[in-house]
Amino acid sequence: MPDKKTLILLTDFFPFEAYEPYLENEFKYLSEAFEKIFIFSASEKQKAIYDLPANILYYNFPANIQMSSKVNALLSFDKGLFKTEKKFVNSGLQQKMDLIKIKIMIMEYFKAKMLKKYIKKTLHEELKNQGNILIYSYWCDYKAIAAALLKKEFPRMKAISRAHGWDVYFERNTAGYLPLRTFLFNTLDKVFFVSENGKAYTSAKFDDPSKFALAHLGTNQPAQPITEQKKEPFHIVSCSSLIPLKRIRLLIAAIALLPQDIEILWTHFGDGILMNEIVRLCQKKLSPMINVHVDLEGYVSNDEVLKFYAENNVNLLVNTSSTEGLPVTMMEAMSGAIPVIGTNVGGVGEIIKDNFNGFLLSANPEPKEITEKIVSFINMSGEKYSQFRRNAFETWNTKYNAAVNFPSFIEEIKQDI
């Protein structure tokens, strides 16, 4: 048998729920690279929704903290960690260590300690062979803190974390704060950022970025051949949760300003707390326009989205988010040779090259700006549009191809274990 190692993978939902679909892409490669895999998920579901090989075991761990545990958390918090964290908040973030931050820090630390204790109890025998173990947190949150705590106790174990968007940018979180970053970055062996922007942002806040690395996510190519696209109806797709930061209302306002002499089809993939509001807004703004047709698909799996791109005429993906990491939805679109329009936030400027494979919007565009960029594609010559499509596909193929990125990532993380 090849020299395969043991992986402990810490997740929020996988393999019990479909809210980490990009991990599903990666996990195919992880499952082939490790002899044993133990998944610890914060999901409350009990049955896996994915077919997993026999070498994989999965567990639920409690992520909620009761009141009595909160008292214990306060009493058991490491005073040395508090001093280090307070120094970073004061000097690194130029903020005060107020009660909100203290509460966040203590709760996250205690959740990490609970998870560490659960892993130790569950994998008591396996942890004896710590030199062959990689512990990998998919998110840079309390699960990464748990990985770091295990690393301190089992120093021959290798401990890493990915870092995406909300778990990178301090301002996207309550009180503009992410807890215990100094402890994490000093203790983990490596932190892998999904975007250059996230890596640069974090490097600017910490003295030693030597443990920071870039590791793009990746998507699969649509299974069917891509055919040349028709320009009418002009088919716009958006793909996101229906939550405020995705600003789908802004896209609706932009579509309402499009010329009425061309047929428009808008398909949205994704559900969320704003679904009812979006439906009402579409009825008010877009239903009176006889040239605009709307299809709100709700939640659709990534495989189904790729199948849709392969089998349907899609001219453009539009993203209006106020914040992003590096959107996998754009990778998926470009794998289908679909150009993209997106706000220039987070790592978006790394995947969209303006006037090459799409157009960059300002970070906070007015509807008119979005409309003008869409119209640029509508009025584009067939030859120029085809070049945009080729450029979009080449961007995906050279930078975001799952068959390239994930094996390369796994080869790196398996070193030294």
Protein backbone atom coordinates (compact mmCIF):
# COMPACT_ATOMS: atom_id res chain seq x y z
CA MET A 1 0.00 0.00 0.00
CA PRO A 2 1.29 3.51 -0.82
CA ASP A 3 2.52 5.62 2.06
CA LYS A 4 -0.78 7.24 3.05
CA LYS A 5 -1.43 9.20 6.20
CA THR A 6 -4.33 10.04 8.52
CA LEU A 7 -6.42 13.18 8.06
CA ILE A 8 -8.61 14.82 10.69
CA LEU A 9 -10.92 17.23 8.86
CA LEU A 10 -12.92 19.88 10.74
CA THR A 11 -16.01 21.25 8.97
CA ASP A 12 -19.24 23.12 9.56
CA PHE A 13 -21.63 20.94 7.52
CA PHE A 14 -19.87 18.34 5.38
CA PRO A 15 -20.80 15.48 4.96
CA PHE A 16 -24.24 15.98 6.55
CA GLU A 17 -25.44 19.05 4.64
CA ALA A 18 -24.77 20.66 1.27
CA TYR A 19 -23.67 24.08 2.54
CA GLU A 20 -19.97 23.45 1.87
CA PRO A 21 -20.26 22.35 -1.78
CA TYR A 22 -16.73 23.50 -2.62
CA LEU A 23 -15.34 21.13 -0.04
CA GLU A 24 -17.18 18.37 -1.90
CA ASN A 25 -15.00 19.10 -4.95
CA GLU A 26 -11.84 18.96 -2.85
CA PHE A 27 -12.85 15.94 -0.82
CA LYS A 28 -12.75 13.65 -3.84
CA TYR A 29 -8.99 14.20 -3.94
CA LEU A 30 -8.51 14.12 -0.15
CA SER A 31 -10.23 10.73 0.09
CA GLU A 32 -7.78 9.23 -2.39
CA ALA A 33 -4.69 10.71 -0.69
CA PHE A 34 -5.14 9.57 2.91
CA GLU A 35 -5.39 6.07 4.31
CA LYS A 36 -7.81 7.14 7.06
CA ILE A 37 -10.01 10.23 7.31
CA PHE A 38 -11.95 11.34 10.37
CA ILE A 39 -14.43 14.16 9.76
CA PHE A 40 -15.73 16.25 12.66
CA SER A 41 -18.71 18.37 11.64
CA ALA A 42 -20.69 20.98 13.57
CA SER A 43 -23.87 19.92 11.76
CA GLU A 44 -26.72 18.65 13.89
CA LYS A 45 -27.84 16.25 11.14
CA GLN A 46 -27.12 12.58 11.76
CA LYS A 47 -27.03 11.06 8.27
CA ALA A 48 -24.42 11.82 5.63
CA ILE A 49 -25.81 12.96 2.28
CA TYR A 50 -22.72 11.90 0.34
CA ASP A 51 -21.54 8.41 -0.47
CA LEU A 52 -18.23 8.10 1.34
CA PRO A 53 -15.57 5.37 1.04
CA ALA A 54 -15.09 2.85 3.85
CA ASN A 55 -11.87 4.51 5.05
CA ILE A 56 -13.82 7.58 6.20
CA LEU A 57 -15.54 8.00 9.56
CA TYR A 58 -17.55 11.06 10.50
CA TYR A 59 -18.84 12.53 13.73
CA ASN A 60 -21.02 15.38 14.97
CA PHE A 61 -19.67 17.60 17.69
CA PRO A 62 -21.66 20.12 19.76
CA ALA A 63 -21.14 23.71 18.63
CA ASN A 64 -23.63 25.42 20.97
CA ILE A 65 -22.66 26.47 24.47
CA GLN A 66 -25.07 26.35 27.42
CA MET A 67 -25.11 29.04 30.12
CA SER A 68 -23.28 26.87 32.66
CA SER A 69 -20.55 26.25 30.10
CA LYS A 70 -20.22 29.99 29.49
CA VAL A 71 -19.37 30.45 33.15
CA ASN A 72 -16.77 27.69 32.87
CA ALA A 73 -15.39 29.36 29.76
CA LEU A 74 -14.83 32.60 31.63
CA LEU A 75 -13.18 30.88 34.59
CA SER A 76 -10.91 28.67 32.49
CA PHE A 77 -9.63 31.19 29.95
CA ASP A 78 -5.85 31.36 29.60
CA LYS A 79 -4.63 34.69 31.03
CA GLY A 80 -1.47 34.62 28.92
CA LEU A 81 -3.54 34.36 25.76
CA PHE A 82 -5.65 37.30 26.90
CA LYS A 83 -2.59 39.52 27.36
CA THR A 84 -1.27 38.61 23.89
CA GLU A 85 -4.68 39.18 22.31
CA LYS A 86 -5.21 42.51 24.04
CA LYS A 87 -1.83 43.70 22.77
CA PHE A 88 -2.72 42.75 19.19
CA VAL A 89 -6.16 44.41 19.33
CA ASN A 90 -4.63 47.61 20.73
CA SER A 91 -1.59 47.83 18.46
CA GLY A 92 -2.43 45.67 15.43
CA LEU A 93 -6.08 46.65 14.99
CA GLN A 94 -5.83 50.06 16.67
CA GLN A 95 -8.94 49.22 18.68
CA LYS A 96 -9.93 48.82 22.31
CA MET A 97 -10.36 45.38 23.86
CA ASP A 98 -14.00 45.98 24.83
CA LEU A 99 -16.52 43.63 26.40
CA ILE A 100 -17.94 42.49 23.05
CA LYS A 101 -14.52 41.36 21.84
CA ILE A 102 -13.77 39.69 25.18
CA LYS A 103 -17.04 37.75 24.97
CA ILE A 104 -16.33 36.66 21.38
CA MET A 105 -12.79 35.62 22.26
CA ILE A 106 -13.79 33.59 25.33
CA MET A 107 -16.69 31.82 23.60
CA GLU A 108 -14.65 30.88 20.55
CA TYR A 109 -11.80 29.66 22.72
CA PHE A 110 -14.13 27.56 24.84
CA LYS A 111 -15.83 26.05 21.76
CA ALA A 112 -12.35 25.17 20.52
CA LYS A 113 -11.50 23.52 23.84
CA MET A 114 -14.75 21.50 23.71
CA LEU A 115 -13.93 20.34 20.19
CA LYS A 116 -10.37 19.46 21.15
CA LYS A 117 -11.64 17.41 24.10
CA TYR A 118 -14.14 15.60 21.86
CA ILE A 119 -11.48 14.76 19.26
CA LYS A 120 -9.10 13.46 21.94
CA LYS A 121 -11.82 11.26 23.41
CA THR A 122 -12.93 9.95 20.01
CA LEU A 123 -9.47 9.37 18.54
CA HIS A 124 -7.58 8.37 21.65
CA GLU A 125 -5.75 5.47 19.98
CA GLU A 126 -5.07 7.25 16.69
CA LEU A 127 -3.49 10.26 18.40
CA LYS A 128 -0.77 8.04 19.82
CA ASN A 129 0.65 7.95 16.28
CA GLN A 130 0.69 11.74 16.02
CA GLY A 131 3.58 11.91 13.56
CA ASN A 132 1.38 10.50 10.78
CA ILE A 133 -1.56 12.87 11.37
CA LEU A 134 -2.65 16.03 9.57
CA ILE A 135 -5.42 18.04 11.23
CA TYR A 136 -7.08 20.40 8.75
CA SER A 137 -9.71 23.02 9.56
CA TYR A 138 -11.64 24.06 6.48
CA TRP A 139 -12.48 27.42 8.12
CA CYS A 140 -10.18 29.73 10.05
CA ASP A 141 -12.43 30.00 13.11
CA TYR A 142 -12.81 28.14 16.42
CA LYS A 143 -12.17 24.86 14.60
CA ALA A 144 -8.75 26.17 13.56
CA ILE A 145 -8.18 27.20 17.19
CA ALA A 146 -9.02 23.61 18.19
CA ALA A 147 -6.47 22.36 15.65
CA ALA A 148 -3.88 24.71 17.13
CA LEU A 149 -4.64 23.52 20.68
CA LEU A 150 -4.18 19.91 19.56
CA LYS A 151 -0.92 20.89 17.86
CA LYS A 152 0.38 22.31 21.16
CA GLU A 153 -0.41 19.06 22.95
CA PHE A 154 0.73 16.79 20.12
CA PRO A 155 3.62 18.74 18.55
CA ARG A 156 4.52 16.10 15.95
CA MET A 157 1.06 16.43 14.44
CA LYS A 158 0.76 18.81 11.48
CA ALA A 159 -2.01 21.42 11.78
CA ILE A 160 -3.31 23.68 9.00
CA SER A 161 -6.32 25.79 8.09
CA ARG A 162 -7.85 27.31 5.01
CA ALA A 163 -8.96 30.96 5.13
CA HIS A 164 -11.69 32.19 2.79
CA GLY A 165 -13.53 35.51 3.21
CA TRP A 166 -15.58 36.11 6.34
CA ASP A 167 -12.88 34.28 8.31
CA VAL A 168 -10.19 36.61 6.89
CA TYR A 169 -11.56 40.15 6.89
CA PHE A 170 -12.00 41.58 10.39
CA GLU A 171 -14.53 44.21 9.29
CA ARG A 172 -16.96 41.54 8.08
CA ASN A 173 -17.45 40.33 11.65
CA THR A 174 -19.13 41.54 14.84
CA ALA A 175 -17.14 44.38 16.44
CA GLY A 176 -14.70 44.21 13.50
CA TYR A 177 -12.97 41.35 15.26
CA LEU A 178 -11.70 37.83 14.64
CA PRO A 179 -10.39 36.18 17.82
CA LEU A 180 -6.98 34.75 18.66
CA ARG A 181 -5.30 35.29 15.31
CA THR A 182 -1.88 35.77 16.90
CA PHE A 183 -2.20 32.43 18.71
CA LEU A 184 -3.44 30.72 15.54
CA PHE A 185 -0.71 32.01 13.26
CA ASN A 186 2.03 31.30 15.78
CA THR A 187 0.84 27.73 16.40
CA LEU A 188 -0.51 26.32 13.14
CA ASP A 189 2.01 24.97 10.65
CA LYS A 190 0.39 26.74 7.72
CA VAL A 191 -2.61 28.89 6.77
CA PHE A 192 -3.79 28.60 3.16
CA PHE A 193 -5.65 31.60 1.77
CA VAL A 194 -7.97 31.13 -1.20
CA SER A 195 -7.09 34.57 -2.61
CA GLU A 196 -4.02 36.76 -2.92
CA ASN A 197 -6.08 39.63 -1.55
CA GLY A 198 -6.85 37.72 1.64
CA LYS A 199 -3.22 36.71 2.06
CA ALA A 200 -1.95 40.27 1.52
CA TYR A 201 -4.62 41.72 3.82
CA THR A 202 -3.60 39.39 6.65
CA SER A 203 0.14 39.70 6.03
CA ALA A 204 -0.14 43.46 6.52
CA LYS A 205 -1.49 42.94 10.04
CA PHE A 206 1.07 40.45 11.33
CA ASP A 207 4.85 40.60 11.73
CA ASP A 208 5.66 37.17 10.33
CA PRO A 209 3.70 36.02 7.24
CA SER A 210 6.03 33.08 6.60
CA LYS A 211 3.30 30.57 7.44
CA PHE A 212 0.85 32.11 4.96
CA ALA A 213 0.37 30.48 1.56
CA LEU A 214 -1.97 30.79 -1.41
CA ALA A 215 -4.09 27.79 -2.40
CA HIS A 216 -6.87 28.52 -4.87
CA LEU A 217 -10.03 26.47 -4.75
CA GLY A 218 -11.13 24.84 -7.98
CA THR A 219 -14.19 23.65 -9.86
CA ASN A 220 -14.94 20.90 -12.32
CA GLN A 221 -15.59 21.60 -15.96
CA PRO A 222 -19.15 21.12 -17.27
CA ALA A 223 -19.52 17.59 -18.58
CA GLN A 224 -20.96 18.51 -21.98
CA PRO A 225 -19.21 20.39 -24.79
CA ILE A 226 -19.64 24.18 -24.76
CA THR A 227 -21.43 25.47 -27.85
CA GLU A 228 -21.47 28.98 -29.26
CA GLN A 229 -24.00 31.21 -27.52
CA LYS A 230 -26.97 33.04 -29.01
CA LYS A 231 -27.36 36.71 -28.08
CA GLU A 232 -31.17 36.67 -27.81
CA PRO A 233 -32.71 36.16 -25.44
CA PHE A 234 -29.71 37.60 -23.63
CA HIS A 235 -29.35 35.22 -20.69
CA ILE A 236 -28.01 36.63 -17.40
CA VAL A 237 -27.28 34.31 -14.48
CA SER A 238 -26.60 35.14 -10.84
CA CYS A 239 -25.66 32.56 -8.24
CA SER A 240 -25.66 33.42 -4.53
CA SER A 241 -27.51 33.14 -1.27
CA LEU A 242 -30.36 35.63 -0.99
CA ILE A 243 -28.91 37.60 1.89
CA PRO A 244 -28.27 41.36 2.21
CA LEU A 245 -24.55 41.38 1.41
CA LYS A 246 -25.19 39.76 -2.00
CA ARG A 247 -27.26 42.84 -3.02
CA ILE A 248 -29.56 41.06 -5.48
CA ARG A 249 -31.92 44.03 -5.18
CA LEU A 250 -29.20 46.05 -6.92
CA LEU A 251 -29.15 43.58 -9.82
CA ILE A 252 -32.95 43.77 -10.13
CA ALA A 253 -32.74 47.56 -10.32
CA ALA A 254 -30.09 47.26 -13.04
CA ILE A 255 -32.12 44.78 -15.10
CA ALA A 256 -35.11 47.12 -14.87
CA LEU A 257 -33.02 49.77 -16.67
CA LEU A 258 -32.07 47.54 -19.63
CA PRO A 259 -33.31 48.48 -23.12
CA GLN A 260 -36.76 47.12 -23.90
CA ASP A 261 -35.97 46.22 -27.50
CA ILE A 262 -34.13 43.00 -26.62
CA GLU A 263 -35.44 39.94 -24.84
CA ILE A 264 -33.78 39.34 -21.45
CA LEU A 265 -33.79 36.14 -19.41
CA TRP A 266 -32.51 36.31 -15.83
CA THR A 267 -31.93 33.06 -13.91
CA HIS A 268 -30.94 33.13 -10.24
CA PHE A 269 -29.58 30.12 -8.34
CA GLY A 270 -29.74 30.36 -4.57
CA ASP A 271 -32.13 30.71 -1.66
CA GLY A 272 -32.10 32.63 1.60
CA ILE A 273 -33.86 34.88 4.05
CA LEU A 274 -34.66 37.48 1.38
CA MET A 275 -36.43 35.10 -1.03
CA ASN A 276 -39.94 36.44 -0.37
CA GLU A 277 -38.74 40.03 -0.63
CA ILE A 278 -36.93 39.29 -3.92
CA VAL A 279 -40.04 37.63 -5.35
CA ARG A 280 -42.15 40.70 -4.48
CA LEU A 281 -39.54 43.06 -5.91
CA CYS A 282 -39.40 41.10 -9.17
CA GLN A 283 -43.18 41.25 -9.43
CA LYS A 284 -43.10 45.00 -8.90
CA LYS A 285 -40.07 45.97 -11.02
CA LEU A 286 -39.64 43.29 -13.68
CA SER A 287 -43.02 41.64 -14.27
CA PRO A 288 -44.42 44.75 -16.06
CA MET A 289 -41.53 44.54 -18.56
CA ILE A 290 -42.72 42.27 -21.36
CA ASN A 291 -39.16 41.72 -22.61
CA VAL A 292 -37.82 40.45 -19.24
CA HIS A 293 -38.33 36.90 -18.01
CA VAL A 294 -37.28 35.84 -14.50
CA ASP A 295 -36.50 32.36 -13.22
CA LEU A 296 -35.73 32.11 -9.48
CA GLU A 297 -34.46 28.56 -9.15
CA GLY A 298 -33.80 28.51 -5.39
CA TYR A 299 -31.12 26.20 -4.03
CA VAL A 300 -29.43 24.11 -6.73
CA SER A 301 -26.40 21.86 -6.23
CA ASN A 302 -23.09 22.73 -7.86
CA ASP A 303 -23.33 19.72 -10.15
CA GLU A 304 -26.74 20.91 -11.33
CA VAL A 305 -25.39 24.43 -11.94
CA LEU A 306 -22.58 23.04 -14.09
CA LYS A 307 -25.07 20.86 -15.97
CA PHE A 308 -27.22 23.95 -16.55
CA TYR A 309 -24.23 25.83 -17.98
CA ALA A 310 -23.50 22.95 -20.33
CA GLU A 311 -27.05 22.53 -21.58
CA ASN A 312 -28.37 26.10 -21.71
CA ASN A 313 -27.58 29.31 -23.48
CA VAL A 314 -25.97 31.53 -20.81
CA ASN A 315 -24.36 34.79 -21.87
CA LEU A 316 -23.20 36.36 -18.63
CA LEU A 317 -22.79 35.88 -14.87
CA VAL A 318 -23.35 38.98 -12.71
CA ASN A 319 -22.19 39.30 -9.10
CA THR A 320 -23.18 42.37 -7.05
CA SER A 321 -21.80 41.37 -3.61
CA SER A 322 -20.60 43.99 -1.15
CA THR A 323 -17.88 41.60 0.11
CA GLU A 324 -16.27 38.45 -1.27
CA GLY A 325 -13.35 36.11 -0.82
CA LEU A 326 -12.66 34.68 -4.26
CA PRO A 327 -16.05 33.57 -5.63
CA VAL A 328 -16.29 29.94 -6.69
CA THR A 329 -19.45 30.88 -8.62
CA MET A 330 -17.20 32.84 -10.98
CA MET A 331 -14.89 29.86 -11.40
CA GLU A 332 -17.89 27.70 -12.29
CA ALA A 333 -19.14 30.21 -14.86
CA MET A 334 -15.72 30.59 -16.47
CA SER A 335 -15.36 26.81 -16.66
CA GLY A 336 -18.36 27.03 -18.98
CA ALA A 337 -16.74 29.87 -20.96
CA ILE A 338 -19.19 32.41 -19.52
CA PRO A 339 -17.86 35.97 -19.00
CA VAL A 340 -18.45 37.65 -15.63
CA ILE A 341 -19.36 41.09 -14.30
CA GLY A 342 -18.56 41.62 -10.63
CA THR A 343 -17.92 44.23 -7.96
CA ASN A 344 -14.24 44.90 -7.30
CA VAL A 345 -14.19 43.63 -3.70
CA GLY A 346 -12.04 41.01 -1.93
CA GLY A 347 -10.36 38.73 -4.43
CA VAL A 348 -12.74 39.44 -7.33
CA GLY A 349 -10.09 41.47 -9.14
CA GLU A 350 -7.90 38.35 -9.22
CA ILE A 351 -10.35 36.33 -11.30
CA ILE A 352 -11.96 39.08 -13.40
CA LYS A 353 -9.50 40.82 -15.65
CA ASP A 354 -11.32 43.94 -16.77
CA ASN A 355 -12.21 44.00 -20.47
CA PHE A 356 -10.61 40.57 -20.93
CA ASN A 357 -12.88 37.90 -19.44
CA GLY A 358 -15.50 40.27 -18.02
CA PHE A 359 -15.93 43.69 -16.47
CA LEU A 360 -15.14 44.96 -12.98
CA LEU A 361 -17.66 47.21 -11.29
CA SER A 362 -16.85 49.69 -8.57
CA ALA A 363 -17.19 48.31 -5.04
CA ASN A 364 -20.49 50.12 -4.48
CA PRO A 365 -22.04 50.60 -7.92
CA GLU A 366 -25.27 52.36 -8.77
CA PRO A 367 -27.73 50.31 -10.86
CA LYS A 368 -26.88 52.40 -13.93
CA GLU A 369 -23.22 51.26 -13.83
CA ILE A 370 -24.28 47.60 -13.82
CA THR A 371 -26.76 48.22 -16.63
CA GLU A 372 -24.10 49.87 -18.79
CA LYS A 373 -21.74 46.89 -18.41
CA ILE A 374 -24.50 44.43 -19.31
CA VAL A 375 -25.40 46.54 -22.35
CA SER A 376 -21.73 46.45 -23.41
CA PHE A 377 -22.06 42.67 -23.73
CA ILE A 378 -25.44 42.89 -25.45
CA ASN A 379 -24.02 45.25 -28.09
CA MET A 380 -20.67 43.46 -28.44
CA SER A 381 -19.77 42.00 -31.82
CA GLY A 382 -19.93 38.22 -32.13
CA GLU A 383 -16.18 38.01 -32.68
CA LYS A 384 -15.33 40.10 -29.62
CA TYR A 385 -17.82 38.25 -27.44
CA SER A 386 -16.35 34.90 -28.53
CA GLN A 387 -12.92 36.16 -27.48
CA PHE A 388 -14.29 37.05 -24.03
CA ARG A 389 -15.64 33.51 -23.80
CA ARG A 390 -12.31 31.99 -24.76
CA ASN A 391 -10.54 34.21 -22.25
CA ALA A 392 -12.97 33.22 -19.49
CA PHE A 393 -12.39 29.52 -20.12
CA GLU A 394 -8.61 29.98 -20.25
CA THR A 395 -8.72 31.82 -16.90
CA TRP A 396 -10.48 28.85 -15.33
CA ASN A 397 -8.28 26.27 -17.01
CA THR A 398 -4.99 27.87 -15.94
CA LYS A 399 -5.92 29.05 -12.41
CA TYR A 400 -9.07 27.37 -11.06
CA ASN A 401 -9.20 23.86 -12.51
CA ALA A 402 -10.00 21.42 -9.67
CA ALA A 403 -8.06 18.63 -11.39
CA VAL A 404 -4.91 20.77 -11.09
CA ASN A 405 -5.39 22.82 -7.92
CA PHE A 406 -6.48 20.17 -5.45
CA PRO A 407 -3.78 17.56 -6.21
CA SER A 408 -1.18 20.32 -5.94
CA PHE A 409 -2.62 21.50 -2.61
CA ILE A 410 -2.70 17.95 -1.24
CA GLU A 411 0.87 17.28 -2.29
CA GLU A 412 1.94 20.34 -0.28
CA ILE A 413 -0.08 19.63 2.86
CA LYS A 414 1.13 16.01 3.03
CA GLN A 415 4.74 17.10 3.30
CA ASP A 416 6.39 16.46 6.66
CA ILE A 417 3.79 14.03 7.98
